[in-house]
């Protein structure tokens, strides 16, 4: 708004000067105004530099600077709106609360981050050595690709932009496709990332409550697809036809429970948690 106001003041002052004589009180017609050739750049006054006085030329430069500043501000606002929209789409329906245990775990991880790729953690759950080696090889390639990507985005000015977030998501999707569901599950666990959707609370009179889901259940599959993060779980409930019956698979006290729910809101509060990868594929 400030930029638009300054632009209006500068333009009005310029027109006032042009409608008076440049040589005393005799009035001289103002130089015709010209429109910018770019249709989305708005209105821009133009003077014949050869005929303009130094004062008029100075005003023209000031107006042009204000116009360019306004355009830059509009583009920045549009980018921020796009980033905000993408963030809202990826936000779970209800923000998970953070327990004291989780807070302590986060603080401990900061002090002792552990190995970049925890091979021993995968060996402990019984994954074959050859499979672990393949996941580790793909992990190293992914991390280097990501480092080069971040470096390039910082050099070209797209770091943390909507384009940056979109391309980083595509890079992760490629990794997930290469590894497959079970391999990606093991990858998340070995790199100390959360790999499960935790159902924190269930409303009794809700689709989830009527389907028998309980507080503390850990989601494994929804509509036949593995889910690892709250955002993708929420996105899965929004796909397909609202109300259609789909299967949901959860882990409870070490056992797998299967049920059916209508596609759409479930009536649950969700969070994220790290669990050992499943060996049953």
Foldseek 3Di string as FASTA:
>chain_A
DVLVVVLVVLVVVLVVVQQADPPPRDGDHGDDADADPDPPLDGAGDDDPVPDDPVNVVSNVVNVVSSVVVVVVVVVVVQVVLLVVVVVLQDFPDDDDADPVNVVVVVVCVVPVDDQFQLVLLVVVPDDPVLSVVLVVLVVVLVVVVVVLQVVCVVVVNHPTPVSVVVNVVSVVVSCVVLDDLSVLSSCQRNVHWFWKAFQQADCPWQCNVFPDGHGWIWQDKQRDGGGASSVVQVQLVDDDFQDKGKTWTADPNDIDITIGTRHDGRTDIDTGHDHRDPVD
